[in-house]
Amino acid sequence: MKLRHQFTCPLELVHDMIKGKWKPIILWRLRLGKTSLSKLEKDIEGISQKMLLEHLKELIEFGFVDKKTYEGYPLHVDYFLTKPHGERILEALKIMQQIGIDYLLERDQEEELRKRGIIS
């Protein structure tokens, strides 16, 4: 994905970097620490491996995520949030998560949040 050369404000650039259905979810999952591609695919319900790889590639290009490749067979790669950009975008995602929780609680969706383990 290419970034715009003309924009209204820097928020537009960050929006372009993380927009889409999966990028915020990938970043949110990576808050738990380093993980493999197969674990990410398993943990993120509904994402295809192709889409996951595309989004990881873009998140790496934008400096939010990095990967470590281990030698040996079978090939093993771990993905993780970078310092400082990956960890800083996580701060914004935490705020968004809380807004979502508040919204659902206001609409009597507490049980759904409990089922998903989001609240206790």
C-alpha atoms as a PDB file:
ATOM      1  CA  MET A   1       0.000   0.000   0.000  1.00  0.00           C
ATOM      2  CA  LYS A   2       1.280   3.418  -0.882  1.00  0.00           C
ATOM      3  CA  LEU A   3       0.903   6.401   1.383  1.00  0.00           C
ATOM      4  CA  ARG A   4      -0.511   9.628   0.070  1.00  0.00           C
ATOM      5  CA  HIS A   5       1.798  12.528  -0.672  1.00  0.00           C
ATOM      6  CA  GLN A   6      -0.979  15.021  -0.006  1.00  0.00           C
ATOM      7  CA  PHE A   7      -3.124  14.831   3.080  1.00  0.00           C
ATOM      8  CA  THR A   8      -5.311  16.965   5.283  1.00  0.00           C
ATOM      9  CA  CYS A   9      -3.576  15.984   8.520  1.00  0.00           C
ATOM     10  CA  PRO A  10      -1.220  13.274   9.827  1.00  0.00           C
ATOM     11  CA  LEU A  11      -4.216  11.328  11.152  1.00  0.00           C
ATOM     12  CA  GLU A  12      -5.104  10.605   7.532  1.00  0.00           C
ATOM     13  CA  LEU A  13      -1.730   8.898   7.089  1.00  0.00           C
ATOM     14  CA  VAL A  14      -2.107   6.746  10.194  1.00  0.00           C
ATOM     15  CA  HIS A  15      -5.646   5.843   9.131  1.00  0.00           C
ATOM     16  CA  ASP A  16      -4.276   4.647   5.791  1.00  0.00           C
ATOM     17  CA  MET A  17      -1.610   2.607   7.571  1.00  0.00           C
ATOM     18  CA  ILE A  18      -4.040   0.663   9.765  1.00  0.00           C
ATOM     19  CA  LYS A  19      -7.292   0.808   7.830  1.00  0.00           C
ATOM     20  CA  GLY A  20      -9.200  -2.292   6.935  1.00  0.00           C
ATOM     21  CA  LYS A  21     -10.940  -5.094   8.717  1.00  0.00           C
ATOM     22  CA  TRP A  22      -7.862  -7.006   9.832  1.00  0.00           C
ATOM     23  CA  LYS A  23      -4.948  -4.684  10.584  1.00  0.00           C
ATOM     24  CA  PRO A  24      -6.258  -3.386  13.931  1.00  0.00           C
ATOM     25  CA  ILE A  25      -7.158  -6.966  14.909  1.00  0.00           C
ATOM     26  CA  ILE A  26      -3.669  -8.216  14.014  1.00  0.00           C
ATOM     27  CA  LEU A  27      -2.091  -5.406  16.015  1.00  0.00           C
ATOM     28  CA  TRP A  28      -4.432  -6.099  18.934  1.00  0.00           C
ATOM     29  CA  ARG A  29      -3.503  -9.791  18.926  1.00  0.00           C
ATOM     30  CA  LEU A  30       0.207  -8.952  18.859  1.00  0.00           C
ATOM     31  CA  ARG A  31      -0.178  -7.054  22.151  1.00  0.00           C
ATOM     32  CA  LEU A  32       0.066 -10.507  23.740  1.00  0.00           C
ATOM     33  CA  GLY A  33       3.636 -10.927  22.482  1.00  0.00           C
ATOM     34  CA  LYS A  34       5.614 -12.642  19.747  1.00  0.00           C
ATOM     35  CA  THR A  35       3.710 -15.254  17.805  1.00  0.00           C
ATOM     36  CA  SER A  36       3.908 -17.398  14.706  1.00  0.00           C
ATOM     37  CA  LEU A  37       1.918 -16.999  11.521  1.00  0.00           C
ATOM     38  CA  SER A  38      -0.035 -20.181  12.198  1.00  0.00           C
ATOM     39  CA  LYS A  39      -0.947 -19.031  15.726  1.00  0.00           C
ATOM     40  CA  LEU A  40      -2.075 -15.640  14.401  1.00  0.00           C
ATOM     41  CA  GLU A  41      -4.191 -17.347  11.764  1.00  0.00           C
ATOM     42  CA  LYS A  42      -5.723 -19.613  14.404  1.00  0.00           C
ATOM     43  CA  ASP A  43      -6.374 -16.758  16.851  1.00  0.00           C
ATOM     44  CA  ILE A  44      -7.970 -14.397  14.320  1.00  0.00           C
ATOM     45  CA  GLU A  45     -11.227 -16.006  13.323  1.00  0.00           C
ATOM     46  CA  GLY A  46     -12.099 -15.634   9.644  1.00  0.00           C
ATOM     47  CA  ILE A  47      -8.792 -14.352   8.259  1.00  0.00           C
ATOM     48  CA  SER A  48      -7.144 -16.239   5.408  1.00  0.00           C
ATOM     49  CA  GLN A  49      -3.420 -16.887   5.389  1.00  0.00           C
ATOM     50  CA  LYS A  50      -3.085 -14.832   2.201  1.00  0.00           C
ATOM     51  CA  MET A  51      -4.813 -11.818   3.767  1.00  0.00           C
ATOM     52  CA  LEU A  52      -2.835 -12.211   6.983  1.00  0.00           C
ATOM     53  CA  LEU A  53       0.460 -12.236   5.084  1.00  0.00           C
ATOM     54  CA  GLU A  54      -0.535  -9.190   3.015  1.00  0.00           C
ATOM     55  CA  HIS A  55      -1.467  -7.189   6.090  1.00  0.00           C
ATOM     56  CA  LEU A  56       1.614  -8.280   8.028  1.00  0.00           C
ATOM     57  CA  LYS A  57       3.774  -7.179   5.099  1.00  0.00           C
ATOM     58  CA  GLU A  58       2.153  -3.727   5.129  1.00  0.00           C
ATOM     59  CA  LEU A  59       2.365  -3.415   8.912  1.00  0.00           C
ATOM     60  CA  ILE A  60       6.063  -4.291   8.665  1.00  0.00           C
ATOM     61  CA  GLU A  61       6.566  -1.687   5.913  1.00  0.00           C
ATOM     62  CA  PHE A  62       4.923   0.970   8.104  1.00  0.00           C
ATOM     63  CA  GLY A  63       7.080   0.020  11.100  1.00  0.00           C
ATOM     64  CA  PHE A  64       4.353  -1.267  13.430  1.00  0.00           C
ATOM     65  CA  VAL A  65       5.348  -4.936  13.244  1.00  0.00           C
ATOM     66  CA  ASP A  66       8.594  -6.804  12.707  1.00  0.00           C
ATOM     67  CA  LYS A  67       9.480 -10.448  12.341  1.00  0.00           C
ATOM     68  CA  LYS A  68      12.246 -12.753  13.405  1.00  0.00           C
ATOM     69  CA  THR A  69      13.126 -15.743  11.256  1.00  0.00           C
ATOM     70  CA  TYR A  70      14.769 -18.719  12.932  1.00  0.00           C
ATOM     71  CA  GLU A  71      17.136 -21.052  11.132  1.00  0.00           C
ATOM     72  CA  GLY A  72      16.325 -24.690  10.710  1.00  0.00           C
ATOM     73  CA  TYR A  73      13.564 -26.855   9.431  1.00  0.00           C
ATOM     74  CA  PRO A  74      10.695 -26.382   9.527  1.00  0.00           C
ATOM     75  CA  LEU A  75      10.938 -22.654   8.949  1.00  0.00           C
ATOM     76  CA  HIS A  76       9.781 -20.681  11.968  1.00  0.00           C
ATOM     77  CA  VAL A  77       8.946 -16.968  11.955  1.00  0.00           C
ATOM     78  CA  ASP A  78       7.697 -14.899  14.880  1.00  0.00           C
ATOM     79  CA  TYR A  79       5.867 -11.600  14.472  1.00  0.00           C
ATOM     80  CA  PHE A  80       5.850  -8.879  17.118  1.00  0.00           C
ATOM     81  CA  LEU A  81       5.044  -5.216  17.735  1.00  0.00           C
ATOM     82  CA  THR A  82       7.941  -2.820  17.245  1.00  0.00           C
ATOM     83  CA  LYS A  83       9.230  -0.187  19.612  1.00  0.00           C
ATOM     84  CA  PRO A  84       8.143   2.573  19.542  1.00  0.00           C
ATOM     85  CA  HIS A  85       5.571   2.610  16.703  1.00  0.00           C
ATOM     86  CA  GLY A  86       3.884  -0.738  17.303  1.00  0.00           C
ATOM     87  CA  GLU A  87       3.587  -0.115  21.014  1.00  0.00           C
ATOM     88  CA  ARG A  88       2.344   3.446  20.487  1.00  0.00           C
ATOM     89  CA  ILE A  89      -0.389   2.430  18.031  1.00  0.00           C
ATOM     90  CA  LEU A  90      -1.454  -0.095  20.653  1.00  0.00           C
ATOM     91  CA  GLU A  91      -2.215   2.818  22.990  1.00  0.00           C
ATOM     92  CA  ALA A  92      -4.736   4.115  20.450  1.00  0.00           C
ATOM     93  CA  LEU A  93      -6.219   0.646  19.978  1.00  0.00           C
ATOM     94  CA  LYS A  94      -6.684   0.279  23.746  1.00  0.00           C
ATOM     95  CA  ILE A  95      -8.777   3.447  23.731  1.00  0.00           C
ATOM     96  CA  MET A  96     -10.802   2.132  20.783  1.00  0.00           C
ATOM     97  CA  GLN A  97     -11.296  -1.201  22.583  1.00  0.00           C
ATOM     98  CA  GLN A  98     -12.632   0.593  25.662  1.00  0.00           C
ATOM     99  CA  ILE A  99     -15.013   2.681  23.550  1.00  0.00           C
ATOM    100  CA  GLY A 100     -16.331  -0.566  22.040  1.00  0.00           C
ATOM    101  CA  ILE A 101     -16.771  -2.111  25.485  1.00  0.00           C
ATOM    102  CA  ASP A 102     -18.596   0.967  26.769  1.00  0.00           C
ATOM    103  CA  TYR A 103     -20.847   0.979  23.705  1.00  0.00           C
ATOM    104  CA  LEU A 104     -21.804  -2.667  24.178  1.00  0.00           C
ATOM    105  CA  LEU A 105     -22.378  -2.256  27.910  1.00  0.00           C
ATOM    106  CA  GLU A 106     -24.681   0.703  27.262  1.00  0.00           C
ATOM    107  CA  ARG A 107     -26.692  -1.595  24.984  1.00  0.00           C
ATOM    108  CA  ASP A 108     -26.987  -4.426  27.507  1.00  0.00           C
ATOM    109  CA  GLN A 109     -24.436  -6.679  25.759  1.00  0.00           C
ATOM    110  CA  GLU A 110     -22.556  -7.536  28.955  1.00  0.00           C
ATOM    111  CA  GLU A 111     -23.166 -11.267  28.537  1.00  0.00           C
ATOM    112  CA  GLU A 112     -21.578 -11.242  25.073  1.00  0.00           C
ATOM    113  CA  LEU A 113     -18.483  -9.533  26.493  1.00  0.00           C
ATOM    114  CA  ARG A 114     -18.317 -12.144  29.257  1.00  0.00           C
ATOM    115  CA  LYS A 115     -18.632 -15.042  26.770  1.00  0.00           C
ATOM    116  CA  ARG A 116     -15.690 -13.669  24.831  1.00  0.00           C
ATOM    117  CA  GLY A 117     -13.631 -13.208  27.993  1.00  0.00           C
ATOM    118  CA  ILE A 118     -13.362  -9.453  27.490  1.00  0.00           C
ATOM    119  CA  ILE A 119     -14.831  -8.667  30.902  1.00  0.00           C
ATOM    120  CA  SER A 120     -15.179 -10.892  33.965  1.00  0.00           C
END
